[in-house]
Amino acid sequence: MGDAMDVDQGGGTVMEIETESRLRDEPSAQYGYGGGVSRRRSMSHEEERQRRASIKAILADDSITPQERRRSIQNLMDGGEAVLERRQLPLARERLQIWKIQMFTGMGMETLMDTNSDDYVCVPICNENTKRAELTRPPCNHYDRKCTIVSHCCGAAFGCRICHDDSPILPPLLVAKQATRRYARSSSLPGGYTNMDPQTPEDTHHAIDRFKIKEIICRECYTKQSSKTNNCVSCGVKFGEYHCNICNLWMANDEKPYHCRDCGFCRVGGAENFQHCHDCGMCIDKSLYSNHNCKSGKYKSNCPVCQEFLFSSRSASHEMPCGHAIHWECFRQLAAHDSRCPVCKKTAETRERMMPTWNAMAAGVALQPVPPELARVVNITCNDCEQSEDARAWHFLGVQCRNCSSFNTVVDRIIMSGEEAHEFLEALQTRSDLTENNEEGSQRISRRRINRRRSLF
């Protein structure tokens, strides 16, 4: 097999083809020293992207040892192939090679480059390339359908858009023109690796636009055809019980999918059970619509726990009393150790549901008085009602708000501590009991005097 190398002579570049036998016999010519002046050529943008994709595939492969991973990456940086001793080619690299075959044969760049144009018309075709694309795609368990989408962005075949976006490695984006600028090679790293044009992507991973999908492959007869149909033009098989030609969605009717024109895409749950709120920008359950907390742009934000965009998320959402939205599963996990909203720190449950917990905490405060040496006088602010209070007794279980009974309070300032704080709180409580002027207040004063005498002994 020949090996192409660049030779700089004066101001020009000459392509020199070396046979494999000559490279073995003359190692000096292979490495550019000794009797020859040849050296390895600089890399194009496409070769750099392929190298990065190969390195990512090696890093993502858990079947190789760290030593093999380092050797393979170093060999790639030196212009060779990855070296995996006694190992098969990783699955990610196999898929990358398959995608390369798809892109540069029948499924490839020449066919898919113009799919983004408005006047593009897909001509049905069935050959070995479309069959290979279907049989080698990653398995999909997201939707029950009988067709495979062809990504308009990178030309690879996937079971659905979720499989595309969740794929750990993707082929580079399809581009109409390849960059022709070359960079001089001066080390193992190509010169253009750190000094590339702004339009050159640093990462091949990208998200698919579901509305721009224009080609699909039938899983029964492997015919590539237009996505604006629910029946194969060749064998007539029905791709899905539900089909939306706007969102390019095929799925079963078990979850009652429907297309909401105001949201702009399909949702599940049945159109008869939901009503779109134009202020919230979301479909709300009709049984909760009249009493829901309407807040503009509430769902046009990320989940405060997992940071997924709530508006287009496939997971169920939950609205907290403060008005912020969160994934229901994220809320369940959060409530196991914190009952506050991650955004505003207000209580994430209603007051009625929290009152038994707050009453139990108040009883614990009364049964466990703070020792005099640990006493503190503090100023607090309630996160729920946003009211501030001064000269409150601190407790390690929390300080209860007198306005809303919540224990969701924060200490703003420590006024005094130790014995001084204890005497101040005693005097404050005695004054309060005298003001009440009843039998219960007198009993509390007597108990405090007895406790003070016992502490002296």
Protein backbone atom coordinates (compact mmCIF):
# COMPACT_ATOMS: atom_id res chain seq x y z
CA MET A 1 0.00 0.00 0.00
CA GLY A 2 1.35 3.38 -0.93
CA ASP A 3 1.95 6.20 1.48
CA ALA A 4 1.66 9.83 0.31
CA MET A 5 4.10 12.37 1.75
CA ASP A 6 4.83 16.05 1.15
CA VAL A 7 8.29 17.27 0.13
CA ASP A 8 9.13 20.96 0.36
CA GLN A 9 11.56 22.04 -2.36
CA GLY A 10 11.95 25.80 -2.70
CA GLY A 11 8.48 27.32 -2.84
CA GLY A 12 6.52 24.27 -4.10
CA THR A 13 5.14 20.96 -2.78
CA VAL A 14 5.79 17.64 -4.53
CA MET A 15 3.77 14.48 -3.80
CA GLU A 16 6.13 11.53 -3.33
CA ILE A 17 4.69 8.01 -3.31
CA GLU A 18 6.67 5.49 -1.30
CA THR A 19 5.89 1.79 -1.52
CA GLU A 20 5.56 -0.28 1.60
CA SER A 21 8.68 -2.29 0.79
CA ARG A 22 10.78 0.83 0.34
CA LEU A 23 9.61 2.20 3.67
CA ARG A 24 10.73 -1.01 5.32
CA ASP A 25 14.10 -0.98 3.56
CA GLU A 26 14.76 2.73 4.01
CA PRO A 27 13.55 3.87 7.45
CA SER A 28 15.45 7.11 7.05
CA ALA A 29 13.17 8.16 4.19
CA GLN A 30 10.09 7.32 6.27
CA TYR A 31 11.04 9.63 9.12
CA GLY A 32 12.61 12.41 7.06
CA TYR A 33 16.24 12.15 8.13
CA GLY A 34 19.41 10.58 6.82
CA GLY A 35 19.60 10.67 3.02
CA GLY A 36 16.05 12.01 2.34
CA VAL A 37 14.40 15.39 2.81
CA SER A 38 10.78 14.21 2.90
CA ARG A 39 8.50 14.88 5.87
CA ARG A 40 4.89 14.21 6.73
CA ARG A 41 2.34 16.55 5.30
CA SER A 42 0.20 18.94 7.32
CA MET A 43 -3.36 17.91 8.12
CA SER A 44 -6.54 19.27 6.62
CA HIS A 45 -9.55 20.29 8.71
CA GLU A 46 -11.36 17.05 7.87
CA GLU A 47 -8.40 14.92 8.97
CA GLU A 48 -8.15 16.88 12.20
CA ARG A 49 -11.83 16.28 12.92
CA GLN A 50 -11.40 12.57 12.22
CA ARG A 51 -8.40 12.44 14.55
CA ARG A 52 -10.34 14.10 17.36
CA ALA A 53 -13.22 11.68 16.85
CA SER A 54 -10.79 8.73 17.03
CA ILE A 55 -9.25 10.07 20.24
CA LYS A 56 -12.70 10.47 21.80
CA ALA A 57 -13.56 6.91 20.82
CA ILE A 58 -10.40 5.65 22.53
CA LEU A 59 -11.13 7.65 25.70
CA ALA A 60 -14.72 6.35 25.79
CA ASP A 61 -13.68 2.69 25.43
CA ASP A 62 -13.53 0.98 28.85
CA SER A 63 -12.21 -2.32 27.44
CA ILE A 64 -8.62 -1.11 26.99
CA THR A 65 -6.01 -0.53 29.66
CA PRO A 66 -4.67 2.97 30.46
CA GLN A 67 -1.30 2.02 28.93
CA GLU A 68 -2.93 0.94 25.66
CA ARG A 69 -5.03 4.10 25.68
CA ARG A 70 -1.95 6.31 26.05
CA ARG A 71 -0.04 4.43 23.36
CA SER A 72 -2.97 4.61 20.94
CA ILE A 73 -3.46 8.34 21.44
CA GLN A 74 0.26 9.01 21.09
CA ASN A 75 0.39 6.97 17.90
CA LEU A 76 -2.57 8.92 16.51
CA MET A 77 -0.86 12.22 17.31
CA ASP A 78 2.22 11.00 15.44
CA GLY A 79 0.16 10.38 12.30
CA GLY A 80 -0.42 6.62 12.66
CA GLU A 81 -3.33 4.40 13.59
CA ALA A 82 -4.44 3.46 17.09
CA VAL A 83 -2.47 0.53 18.51
CA LEU A 84 -4.62 -1.88 20.53
CA GLU A 85 -2.64 -4.99 21.38
CA ARG A 86 -4.71 -8.18 21.54
CA ARG A 87 -7.88 -6.12 21.47
CA GLN A 88 -10.67 -5.79 18.96
CA LEU A 89 -11.64 -2.43 17.54
CA PRO A 90 -13.86 -0.62 20.10
CA LEU A 91 -17.53 -0.40 19.35
CA ALA A 92 -17.49 3.37 19.13
CA ARG A 93 -14.74 3.30 16.49
CA GLU A 94 -16.59 0.60 14.57
CA ARG A 95 -19.64 2.85 14.41
CA LEU A 96 -17.50 5.75 13.34
CA GLN A 97 -16.10 3.70 10.45
CA ILE A 98 -19.63 2.62 9.50
CA TRP A 99 -20.80 6.23 9.50
CA LYS A 100 -17.86 7.16 7.27
CA ILE A 101 -18.93 4.44 4.81
CA GLN A 102 -22.51 5.72 4.90
CA MET A 103 -21.44 9.30 4.31
CA PHE A 104 -19.19 8.61 1.34
CA THR A 105 -21.21 5.89 -0.44
CA GLY A 106 -24.91 5.81 -1.21
CA MET A 107 -26.02 7.39 2.10
CA GLY A 108 -23.44 10.06 1.98
CA MET A 109 -22.50 13.61 1.62
CA GLU A 110 -23.36 14.07 -2.01
CA THR A 111 -26.92 12.88 -1.37
CA LEU A 112 -27.54 14.65 1.92
CA MET A 113 -25.83 17.98 1.40
CA ASP A 114 -28.91 19.56 -0.16
CA THR A 115 -31.54 18.17 2.25
CA ASN A 116 -31.69 21.49 4.11
CA SER A 117 -32.96 23.34 1.06
CA ASP A 118 -36.69 24.02 0.84
CA ASP A 119 -37.07 22.55 -2.64
CA TYR A 120 -35.34 19.27 -1.80
CA VAL A 121 -37.22 16.16 -2.99
CA CYS A 122 -36.18 12.74 -1.69
CA VAL A 123 -36.15 10.06 -4.38
CA PRO A 124 -36.97 6.59 -2.94
CA ILE A 125 -33.99 4.25 -3.16
CA CYS A 126 -33.19 0.79 -1.84
CA ASN A 127 -29.68 -0.67 -2.09
CA GLU A 128 -26.94 -2.23 0.00
CA ASN A 129 -26.04 1.13 1.51
CA THR A 130 -29.51 1.80 2.91
CA LYS A 131 -29.66 -1.77 4.23
CA ARG A 132 -26.27 -1.38 5.88
CA ALA A 133 -27.34 1.92 7.44
CA GLU A 134 -30.40 0.25 9.01
CA LEU A 135 -28.64 -2.88 10.24
CA THR A 136 -25.68 -1.04 11.77
CA ARG A 137 -27.51 1.76 13.57
CA PRO A 138 -27.54 1.84 17.40
CA PRO A 139 -30.52 0.00 18.94
CA CYS A 140 -33.51 2.20 19.87
CA ASN A 141 -35.97 1.51 22.69
CA HIS A 142 -37.57 4.96 22.92
CA TYR A 143 -40.42 4.61 20.40
CA ASP A 144 -42.41 1.77 18.87
CA ARG A 145 -41.98 2.45 15.15
CA LYS A 146 -40.92 0.75 11.92
CA CYS A 147 -38.74 3.42 10.39
CA THR A 148 -35.30 4.89 11.00
CA ILE A 149 -34.45 8.57 10.62
CA VAL A 150 -31.52 9.82 8.55
CA SER A 151 -29.88 12.77 10.30
CA HIS A 152 -29.85 15.86 8.10
CA CYS A 153 -26.94 17.25 10.11
CA CYS A 154 -24.38 14.44 9.94
CA GLY A 155 -25.90 11.88 7.57
CA ALA A 156 -25.97 8.99 10.10
CA ALA A 157 -28.94 6.69 10.65
CA PHE A 158 -30.57 6.52 14.09
CA GLY A 159 -33.72 4.99 15.51
CA CYS A 160 -34.94 8.39 16.75
CA ARG A 161 -33.69 11.87 17.62
CA ILE A 162 -33.03 10.84 21.24
CA CYS A 163 -30.63 8.11 20.08
CA HIS A 164 -28.82 10.75 18.03
CA ASP A 165 -28.49 13.25 20.87
CA ASP A 166 -27.51 10.58 23.44
CA SER A 167 -24.86 9.01 21.21
CA PRO A 168 -21.40 9.36 22.83
CA ILE A 169 -19.74 9.89 19.44
CA LEU A 170 -21.11 11.41 16.25
CA PRO A 171 -19.68 11.91 12.77
CA PRO A 172 -18.75 15.46 11.80
CA LEU A 173 -21.39 17.83 10.48
CA LEU A 174 -22.01 17.74 6.75
CA VAL A 175 -20.57 20.83 5.07
CA ALA A 176 -20.90 21.97 1.48
CA LYS A 177 -17.28 23.07 1.15
CA GLN A 178 -14.21 21.62 2.79
CA ALA A 179 -11.53 23.98 3.99
CA THR A 180 -8.45 23.88 1.79
CA ARG A 181 -6.03 25.87 3.91
CA ARG A 182 -3.03 23.89 5.11
CA TYR A 183 -0.91 24.46 8.15
CA ALA A 184 2.79 23.72 8.52
CA ARG A 185 3.54 20.75 10.72
CA SER A 186 6.14 21.43 13.39
CA SER A 187 5.38 18.86 16.12
CA SER A 188 3.15 15.90 17.00
CA LEU A 189 0.21 18.30 17.39
CA PRO A 190 -0.86 19.73 14.03
CA GLY A 191 -0.28 23.43 13.69
CA GLY A 192 -3.94 24.11 12.96
CA TYR A 193 -5.06 22.33 16.15
CA THR A 194 -4.64 25.45 18.28
CA ASN A 195 -4.89 28.06 15.51
CA MET A 196 -7.92 27.13 13.45
CA ASP A 197 -10.48 29.21 11.65
CA PRO A 198 -13.47 30.26 13.81
CA GLN A 199 -15.89 28.28 11.65
CA THR A 200 -14.06 24.99 12.30
CA PRO A 201 -16.01 23.09 15.01
CA GLU A 202 -14.07 22.03 18.07
CA ASP A 203 -16.44 19.13 18.82
CA THR A 204 -18.36 16.81 16.52
CA HIS A 205 -21.17 16.31 19.03
CA HIS A 206 -24.34 18.22 18.17
CA ALA A 207 -28.11 18.11 18.64
CA ILE A 208 -30.49 17.21 15.85
CA ASP A 209 -33.32 19.49 14.73
CA ARG A 210 -36.40 17.29 14.63
CA PHE A 211 -38.20 19.62 12.23
CA LYS A 212 -35.48 19.40 9.55
CA ILE A 213 -35.49 15.61 9.19
CA LYS A 214 -36.41 14.83 5.58
CA GLU A 215 -35.36 11.22 5.04
CA ILE A 216 -36.24 7.93 6.70
CA ILE A 217 -35.48 4.26 6.04
CA CYS A 218 -38.13 1.55 6.20
CA ARG A 219 -37.08 -1.18 8.61
CA GLU A 220 -38.88 -3.84 6.59
CA CYS A 221 -37.64 -3.27 3.02
CA TYR A 222 -34.74 -0.81 3.70
CA THR A 223 -36.14 1.82 1.32
CA LYS A 224 -34.94 5.37 1.93
CA GLN A 225 -37.78 7.82 1.34
CA SER A 226 -39.35 11.11 2.39
CA SER A 227 -40.21 11.61 6.06
CA LYS A 228 -43.61 13.17 5.26
CA THR A 229 -45.41 9.85 5.19
CA ASN A 230 -46.63 7.16 7.55
CA ASN A 231 -46.63 4.32 5.04
CA CYS A 232 -43.70 2.92 3.12
CA VAL A 233 -43.83 3.78 -0.57
CA SER A 234 -42.36 0.38 -1.41
CA CYS A 235 -43.87 -2.26 0.89
CA GLY A 236 -46.77 -0.25 2.33
CA VAL A 237 -45.97 -1.01 5.98
CA LYS A 238 -47.33 1.47 8.54
CA PHE A 239 -44.50 3.15 10.42
CA GLY A 240 -46.43 4.09 13.57
CA GLU A 241 -49.91 4.25 15.08
CA TYR A 242 -49.40 7.99 15.56
CA HIS A 243 -47.61 10.17 13.03
CA CYS A 244 -46.89 13.90 13.03
CA ASN A 245 -45.37 15.21 9.82
CA ILE A 246 -44.42 18.47 11.55
CA CYS A 247 -42.33 16.95 14.34
CA ASN A 248 -41.34 13.89 12.25
CA LEU A 249 -42.62 11.63 15.01
CA TRP A 250 -43.81 8.05 14.76
CA MET A 251 -44.94 6.23 17.91
CA ALA A 252 -47.68 4.10 19.50
CA ASN A 253 -50.96 5.51 20.83
CA ASP A 254 -50.45 4.12 24.34
CA GLU A 255 -49.43 7.51 25.77
CA LYS A 256 -52.08 9.43 23.77
CA PRO A 257 -49.74 11.75 21.85
CA TYR A 258 -51.05 14.97 20.34
CA HIS A 259 -49.58 17.98 18.59
CA CYS A 260 -49.96 21.34 20.36
CA ARG A 261 -49.71 24.22 17.90
CA ASP A 262 -49.03 26.72 20.67
CA CYS A 263 -46.15 24.68 22.13
CA GLY A 264 -44.90 23.92 18.63
CA PHE A 265 -44.38 20.17 19.04
CA CYS A 266 -46.05 16.96 20.20
CA ARG A 267 -46.89 16.11 23.80
CA VAL A 268 -48.43 13.06 25.49
CA GLY A 269 -51.46 12.66 27.74
CA GLY A 270 -54.32 13.35 25.33
CA ALA A 271 -55.41 16.67 23.86
CA GLU A 272 -58.78 16.34 25.65
CA ASN A 273 -57.04 16.36 29.06
CA PHE A 274 -54.83 19.43 28.65
CA GLN A 275 -55.32 23.14 28.00
CA HIS A 276 -52.55 25.46 26.85
CA CYS A 277 -51.81 28.46 29.10
CA HIS A 278 -50.39 31.30 27.05
CA ASP A 279 -48.95 33.04 30.11
CA CYS A 280 -47.09 29.99 31.41
CA GLY A 281 -46.36 28.86 27.84
CA MET A 282 -47.26 25.27 28.72
CA CYS A 283 -50.07 22.72 28.46
CA ILE A 284 -51.74 22.45 31.89
CA ASP A 285 -53.98 19.63 33.12
CA LYS A 286 -57.59 20.79 32.79
CA SER A 287 -58.38 19.63 36.33
CA LEU A 288 -55.68 21.99 37.67
CA TYR A 289 -55.97 24.80 35.15
CA SER A 290 -58.38 27.03 37.13
CA ASN A 291 -56.23 26.96 40.29
CA HIS A 292 -52.70 26.75 38.88
CA ASN A 293 -50.09 29.36 39.78
CA CYS A 294 -49.79 31.28 36.53
CA LYS A 295 -46.32 32.72 36.05
CA SER A 296 -44.90 34.02 32.78
CA GLY A 297 -42.09 31.91 31.37
CA LYS A 298 -42.24 29.46 34.23
CA TYR A 299 -41.41 26.48 32.06
CA LYS A 300 -39.00 28.31 29.75
CA SER A 301 -36.14 27.50 32.11
CA ASN A 302 -33.94 24.60 33.15
CA CYS A 303 -34.74 22.17 35.92
CA PRO A 304 -32.88 23.51 38.99
CA VAL A 305 -31.58 20.00 39.79
CA CYS A 306 -30.63 18.29 36.51
CA GLN A 307 -30.47 21.48 34.35
CA GLU A 308 -32.57 19.98 31.53
CA PHE A 309 -34.78 22.43 29.61
CA LEU A 310 -38.25 21.93 31.06
CA PHE A 311 -40.24 23.19 28.09
CA SER A 312 -39.16 20.41 25.74
CA SER A 313 -38.35 17.77 28.35
CA ARG A 314 -39.88 14.30 28.04
CA SER A 315 -40.02 13.88 31.84
CA ALA A 316 -42.99 14.94 33.99
CA SER A 317 -42.76 18.37 35.64
CA HIS A 318 -43.91 19.53 39.08
CA GLU A 319 -44.90 23.02 40.16
CA MET A 320 -43.86 24.07 43.65
CA PRO A 321 -45.93 26.51 45.79
CA CYS A 322 -43.38 29.27 45.17
CA GLY A 323 -44.12 29.10 41.42
CA HIS A 324 -40.90 27.48 40.24
CA ALA A 325 -41.03 24.30 38.18
CA ILE A 326 -38.94 21.17 38.58
CA HIS A 327 -38.91 17.61 37.26
CA TRP A 328 -41.15 15.38 39.37
CA GLU A 329 -38.46 12.72 39.77
CA CYS A 330 -35.89 15.38 40.70
CA PHE A 331 -38.34 16.80 43.24
CA ARG A 332 -38.83 13.38 44.85
CA GLN A 333 -35.10 12.89 45.23
CA LEU A 334 -34.65 16.43 46.55
CA ALA A 335 -37.47 16.09 49.12
CA ALA A 336 -35.66 13.14 50.70
CA HIS A 337 -33.06 15.48 52.23
CA ASP A 338 -34.29 19.06 51.69
CA SER A 339 -37.83 20.46 51.64
CA ARG A 340 -36.88 23.84 50.12
CA CYS A 341 -36.94 25.12 46.56
CA PRO A 342 -33.43 25.07 45.07
CA VAL A 343 -34.03 28.49 43.47
CA CYS A 344 -35.64 30.73 46.10
CA LYS A 345 -35.24 28.54 49.23
CA LYS A 346 -38.95 28.73 50.05
CA THR A 347 -40.66 25.63 51.41
CA ALA A 348 -41.43 23.30 48.52
CA GLU A 349 -44.60 21.90 50.18
CA THR A 350 -47.84 23.58 51.14
CA ARG A 351 -48.25 25.02 54.64
CA GLU A 352 -50.97 22.49 55.47
CA ARG A 353 -48.69 19.56 54.70
CA MET A 354 -45.76 21.05 56.63
CA MET A 355 -47.64 22.01 59.84
CA PRO A 356 -47.34 18.53 61.46
CA THR A 357 -43.58 18.62 60.86
CA TRP A 358 -43.25 22.14 62.23
CA ASN A 359 -45.32 21.28 65.34
CA ALA A 360 -43.07 18.29 66.02
CA MET A 361 -39.98 20.50 65.70
CA ALA A 362 -41.50 23.07 68.09
CA ALA A 363 -42.14 20.31 70.64
CA GLY A 364 -38.52 19.19 70.26
CA VAL A 365 -37.31 22.75 70.93
CA ALA A 366 -39.39 22.95 74.11
CA LEU A 367 -38.12 19.59 75.40
CA GLN A 368 -34.44 20.31 74.67
CA PRO A 369 -33.44 23.70 76.12
CA VAL A 370 -30.08 25.10 75.07
CA PRO A 371 -27.42 25.11 77.85
CA PRO A 372 -26.55 28.61 79.16
CA GLU A 373 -23.01 28.49 77.76
CA LEU A 374 -24.39 27.82 74.25
CA ALA A 375 -27.22 30.33 74.35
CA ARG A 376 -27.42 32.95 71.57
CA VAL A 377 -29.60 35.93 70.79
CA VAL A 378 -30.08 36.31 67.05
CA ASN A 379 -31.94 38.28 64.41
CA ILE A 380 -33.70 36.08 61.83
CA THR A 381 -35.50 36.32 58.49
CA CYS A 382 -38.15 33.84 57.35
CA ASN A 383 -37.69 32.54 53.80
CA ASP A 384 -41.38 31.73 53.45
CA CYS A 385 -43.11 34.94 54.55
CA GLU A 386 -39.98 37.14 54.22
CA GLN A 387 -40.59 38.71 57.65
CA SER A 388 -37.68 39.66 59.94
CA GLU A 389 -37.59 39.33 63.74
CA ASP A 390 -35.08 40.62 66.29
CA ALA A 391 -33.84 39.24 69.62
CA ARG A 392 -34.90 35.62 69.12
CA ALA A 393 -33.54 32.66 71.05
CA TRP A 394 -31.34 30.44 68.90
CA HIS A 395 -31.81 26.67 68.92
CA PHE A 396 -29.90 23.96 67.09
CA LEU A 397 -33.18 22.52 65.74
CA GLY A 398 -34.12 25.86 64.21
CA VAL A 399 -35.90 29.12 65.03
CA GLN A 400 -39.63 29.17 64.37
CA CYS A 401 -41.20 32.16 62.66
CA ARG A 402 -43.95 33.75 64.76
CA ASN A 403 -45.78 35.00 61.68
CA CYS A 404 -46.22 31.80 59.61
CA SER A 405 -44.95 29.11 62.06
CA SER A 406 -42.29 28.01 59.57
CA PHE A 407 -38.88 26.75 60.61
CA ASN A 408 -37.44 27.82 57.25
CA THR A 409 -35.55 30.75 58.76
CA VAL A 410 -32.00 32.05 58.48
CA VAL A 411 -29.87 33.83 61.08
CA ASP A 412 -28.99 37.33 59.92
CA ARG A 413 -26.91 38.38 62.91
CA ILE A 414 -25.79 37.08 66.33
CA ILE A 415 -26.47 39.79 68.93
CA MET A 416 -24.98 38.13 72.01
CA SER A 417 -23.94 34.68 73.17
CA GLY A 418 -23.04 32.67 76.29
CA GLU A 419 -24.18 33.58 79.81
CA GLU A 420 -25.03 37.12 78.74
CA ALA A 421 -27.43 35.81 76.12
CA HIS A 422 -28.95 33.35 78.60
CA GLU A 423 -29.66 36.07 81.19
CA PHE A 424 -31.13 38.34 78.52
CA LEU A 425 -33.47 35.61 77.26
CA GLU A 426 -34.52 34.78 80.86
CA ALA A 427 -35.37 38.40 81.55
CA LEU A 428 -37.20 38.66 78.23
CA GLN A 429 -39.27 35.55 78.95
CA THR A 430 -40.04 36.71 82.52
CA ARG A 431 -41.31 40.02 81.22
CA SER A 432 -43.47 38.21 78.69
CA ASP A 433 -44.93 35.95 81.38
CA LEU A 434 -45.67 38.89 83.68
CA THR A 435 -47.42 40.64 80.82
CA GLU A 436 -49.71 37.65 80.35
CA ASN A 437 -50.65 37.86 84.09
CA ASN A 438 -52.20 34.43 84.29
CA GLU A 439 -51.64 31.21 86.17
CA GLU A 440 -49.68 29.54 83.36
CA GLY A 441 -47.25 32.46 83.20
CA SER A 442 -46.68 32.32 86.96
CA GLN A 443 -45.96 28.59 86.78
CA ARG A 444 -43.34 29.15 84.07
CA ILE A 445 -41.63 31.81 86.22
CA SER A 446 -41.55 29.42 89.20
CA ARG A 447 -40.07 26.60 87.11
CA ARG A 448 -37.30 28.87 85.84
CA ARG A 449 -36.42 29.98 89.40
CA ILE A 450 -36.22 26.34 90.55
CA ASN A 451 -33.97 25.46 87.61
CA ARG A 452 -31.73 28.44 88.38
CA ARG A 453 -31.32 27.30 92.03
CA ARG A 454 -30.49 23.78 90.93
CA SER A 455 -27.83 25.08 88.57
CA LEU A 456 -26.18 26.91 91.49
CA PHE A 457 -25.76 23.63 93.41
